[in-house]
Amino acid sequence: MPNPKRRHSRARRNRRRAHDHLAKQGLAECPNCHEAKLPHQACPRCGNYRGREVILVEEAS
């Protein structure tokens, strides 16, 4: 196997890693409480999914 003759510079390494960042998650609006939530997931604020309550959420007083 060939070995590198010289090390790569920091700039060259960083240019290669420029596309390795994390992408933002696509959020959907809950039709019940209008909060941002992950698509295809139950709403963490109101507990509804596809028009019915699937998890019990205690209200903060």
N, C-alpha and C. Protein backbone atom coordinates (compact mmCIF):
# COMPACT_ATOMS: atom_id res chain seq x y z
N MET A 1 0.84 -1.18 0.00
CA MET A 1 0.00 0.00 0.00
C MET A 1 0.88 1.25 0.00
N PRO A 2 0.52 2.21 -0.81
CA PRO A 2 1.30 3.45 -0.81
C PRO A 2 0.99 4.29 0.43
N ASN A 3 2.00 4.97 0.92
CA ASN A 3 1.85 5.84 2.07
C ASN A 3 2.01 7.29 1.63
N PRO A 4 1.34 8.22 2.31
CA PRO A 4 1.49 9.62 1.94
C PRO A 4 2.92 10.10 2.21
N LYS A 5 3.47 10.87 1.28
CA LYS A 5 4.84 11.36 1.43
C LYS A 5 4.90 12.54 2.40
N ARG A 6 3.87 13.40 2.33
CA ARG A 6 3.81 14.56 3.22
C ARG A 6 2.40 14.67 3.81
N ARG A 7 2.32 15.29 4.97
CA ARG A 7 1.00 15.45 5.59
C ARG A 7 0.23 16.56 4.87
N HIS A 8 -1.10 16.44 4.91
CA HIS A 8 -1.94 17.46 4.30
C HIS A 8 -2.05 18.66 5.24
N SER A 9 -2.17 19.82 4.66
CA SER A 9 -2.27 21.04 5.47
C SER A 9 -3.63 21.11 6.16
N ARG A 10 -3.74 21.98 7.16
CA ARG A 10 -5.01 22.17 7.87
C ARG A 10 -6.09 22.69 6.93
N ALA A 11 -5.71 23.58 6.02
CA ALA A 11 -6.69 24.14 5.09
C ALA A 11 -7.25 23.06 4.16
N ARG A 12 -6.38 22.18 3.69
CA ARG A 12 -6.85 21.10 2.81
C ARG A 12 -7.75 20.13 3.56
N ARG A 13 -7.39 19.83 4.79
CA ARG A 13 -8.22 18.95 5.62
C ARG A 13 -9.58 19.58 5.88
N ASN A 14 -9.60 20.88 6.21
CA ASN A 14 -10.85 21.55 6.51
C ASN A 14 -11.73 21.71 5.28
N ARG A 15 -11.14 21.89 4.13
CA ARG A 15 -11.94 21.96 2.90
C ARG A 15 -12.61 20.63 2.61
N ARG A 16 -11.95 19.55 2.92
CA ARG A 16 -12.54 18.24 2.72
C ARG A 16 -13.70 18.01 3.69
N ARG A 17 -13.57 18.54 4.89
CA ARG A 17 -14.59 18.34 5.91
C ARG A 17 -15.71 19.38 5.86
N ALA A 18 -15.73 20.24 4.87
CA ALA A 18 -16.71 21.33 4.81
C ALA A 18 -18.13 20.80 4.69
N HIS A 19 -18.33 19.62 4.14
CA HIS A 19 -19.67 19.08 3.92
C HIS A 19 -20.06 18.04 4.95
N ASP A 20 -19.29 17.91 6.02
CA ASP A 20 -19.56 16.90 7.04
C ASP A 20 -20.47 17.40 8.16
N HIS A 21 -21.00 18.61 8.04
CA HIS A 21 -21.81 19.17 9.11
C HIS A 21 -23.19 18.52 9.13
N LEU A 22 -23.89 18.69 10.23
CA LEU A 22 -25.24 18.14 10.38
C LEU A 22 -26.25 19.06 9.71
N ALA A 23 -27.26 18.46 9.11
CA ALA A 23 -28.31 19.25 8.48
C ALA A 23 -29.43 19.52 9.50
N LYS A 24 -30.14 20.62 9.33
CA LYS A 24 -31.26 20.93 10.21
C LYS A 24 -32.38 19.94 9.98
N GLN A 25 -33.08 19.61 11.05
CA GLN A 25 -34.21 18.70 10.94
C GLN A 25 -35.41 19.45 10.36
N GLY A 26 -36.13 18.77 9.48
CA GLY A 26 -37.34 19.35 8.94
C GLY A 26 -38.46 19.23 9.95
N LEU A 27 -39.04 20.36 10.34
CA LEU A 27 -40.09 20.36 11.35
C LEU A 27 -41.44 20.58 10.68
N ALA A 28 -42.47 19.99 11.26
CA ALA A 28 -43.84 20.16 10.79
C ALA A 28 -44.64 20.85 11.89
N GLU A 29 -45.76 21.45 11.52
CA GLU A 29 -46.61 22.12 12.50
C GLU A 29 -47.68 21.15 12.98
N CYS A 30 -47.86 21.09 14.28
CA CYS A 30 -48.91 20.25 14.86
C CYS A 30 -50.26 20.86 14.51
N PRO A 31 -51.17 20.09 13.92
CA PRO A 31 -52.48 20.65 13.55
C PRO A 31 -53.36 20.95 14.77
N ASN A 32 -53.03 20.39 15.93
CA ASN A 32 -53.85 20.60 17.12
C ASN A 32 -53.41 21.84 17.89
N CYS A 33 -52.11 21.92 18.23
CA CYS A 33 -51.64 23.03 19.07
C CYS A 33 -50.75 24.01 18.31
N HIS A 34 -50.45 23.73 17.06
CA HIS A 34 -49.66 24.59 16.16
C HIS A 34 -48.23 24.82 16.65
N GLU A 35 -47.67 23.86 17.35
CA GLU A 35 -46.28 23.91 17.75
C GLU A 35 -45.44 23.14 16.73
N ALA A 36 -44.15 23.45 16.66
CA ALA A 36 -43.26 22.73 15.76
C ALA A 36 -42.98 21.34 16.35
N LYS A 37 -43.05 20.31 15.50
CA LYS A 37 -42.79 18.94 15.94
C LYS A 37 -42.12 18.19 14.80
N LEU A 38 -41.55 17.03 15.10
CA LEU A 38 -40.96 16.20 14.07
C LEU A 38 -42.07 15.52 13.28
N PRO A 39 -41.93 15.41 11.97
CA PRO A 39 -42.97 14.74 11.19
C PRO A 39 -43.06 13.26 11.52
N HIS A 40 -44.25 12.70 11.44
CA HIS A 40 -44.53 11.28 11.72
C HIS A 40 -44.22 10.91 13.16
N GLN A 41 -44.32 11.88 14.07
CA GLN A 41 -44.11 11.66 15.50
C GLN A 41 -45.27 12.28 16.25
N ALA A 42 -45.55 11.77 17.43
CA ALA A 42 -46.57 12.38 18.28
C ALA A 42 -46.04 13.72 18.79
N CYS A 43 -46.94 14.68 18.93
CA CYS A 43 -46.55 16.01 19.40
C CYS A 43 -46.16 15.92 20.87
N PRO A 44 -44.97 16.40 21.25
CA PRO A 44 -44.57 16.31 22.65
C PRO A 44 -45.32 17.28 23.55
N ARG A 45 -45.95 18.29 22.98
CA ARG A 45 -46.66 19.30 23.80
C ARG A 45 -48.08 18.87 24.11
N CYS A 46 -48.82 18.37 23.09
CA CYS A 46 -50.23 18.02 23.34
C CYS A 46 -50.47 16.51 23.29
N GLY A 47 -49.55 15.73 22.75
CA GLY A 47 -49.68 14.27 22.74
C GLY A 47 -50.56 13.73 21.62
N ASN A 48 -50.91 14.54 20.64
CA ASN A 48 -51.77 14.07 19.55
C ASN A 48 -50.94 13.58 18.37
N TYR A 49 -51.49 12.57 17.69
CA TYR A 49 -50.90 12.06 16.46
C TYR A 49 -52.03 11.60 15.56
N ARG A 50 -52.09 12.14 14.36
CA ARG A 50 -53.10 11.82 13.36
C ARG A 50 -54.52 11.98 13.88
N GLY A 51 -54.75 13.07 14.62
CA GLY A 51 -56.10 13.41 15.04
C GLY A 51 -56.58 12.78 16.33
N ARG A 52 -55.74 12.02 17.01
CA ARG A 52 -56.18 11.44 18.28
C ARG A 52 -55.04 11.52 19.30
N GLU A 53 -55.40 11.52 20.58
CA GLU A 53 -54.42 11.61 21.64
C GLU A 53 -53.81 10.24 21.89
N VAL A 54 -52.50 10.13 21.70
CA VAL A 54 -51.85 8.82 21.84
C VAL A 54 -50.96 8.75 23.07
N ILE A 55 -50.50 9.90 23.59
CA ILE A 55 -49.73 9.88 24.83
C ILE A 55 -50.36 10.87 25.79
N LEU A 56 -50.30 10.55 27.06
CA LEU A 56 -50.87 11.40 28.10
C LEU A 56 -49.83 12.43 28.50
N VAL A 57 -50.16 13.71 28.35
CA VAL A 57 -49.23 14.78 28.69
C VAL A 57 -49.84 15.60 29.82
N GLU A 58 -49.08 15.75 30.91
CA GLU A 58 -49.56 16.55 32.03
C GLU A 58 -49.34 18.01 31.72
N GLU A 59 -50.31 18.84 32.02
CA GLU A 59 -50.21 20.28 31.77
C GLU A 59 -49.42 20.94 32.89
N ALA A 60 -48.55 21.86 32.52
CA ALA A 60 -47.77 22.60 33.52
C ALA A 60 -48.63 23.73 34.08
N SER A 61 -48.70 23.81 35.40
CA SER A 61 -49.52 24.86 36.04
C SER A 61 -48.67 25.98 36.56
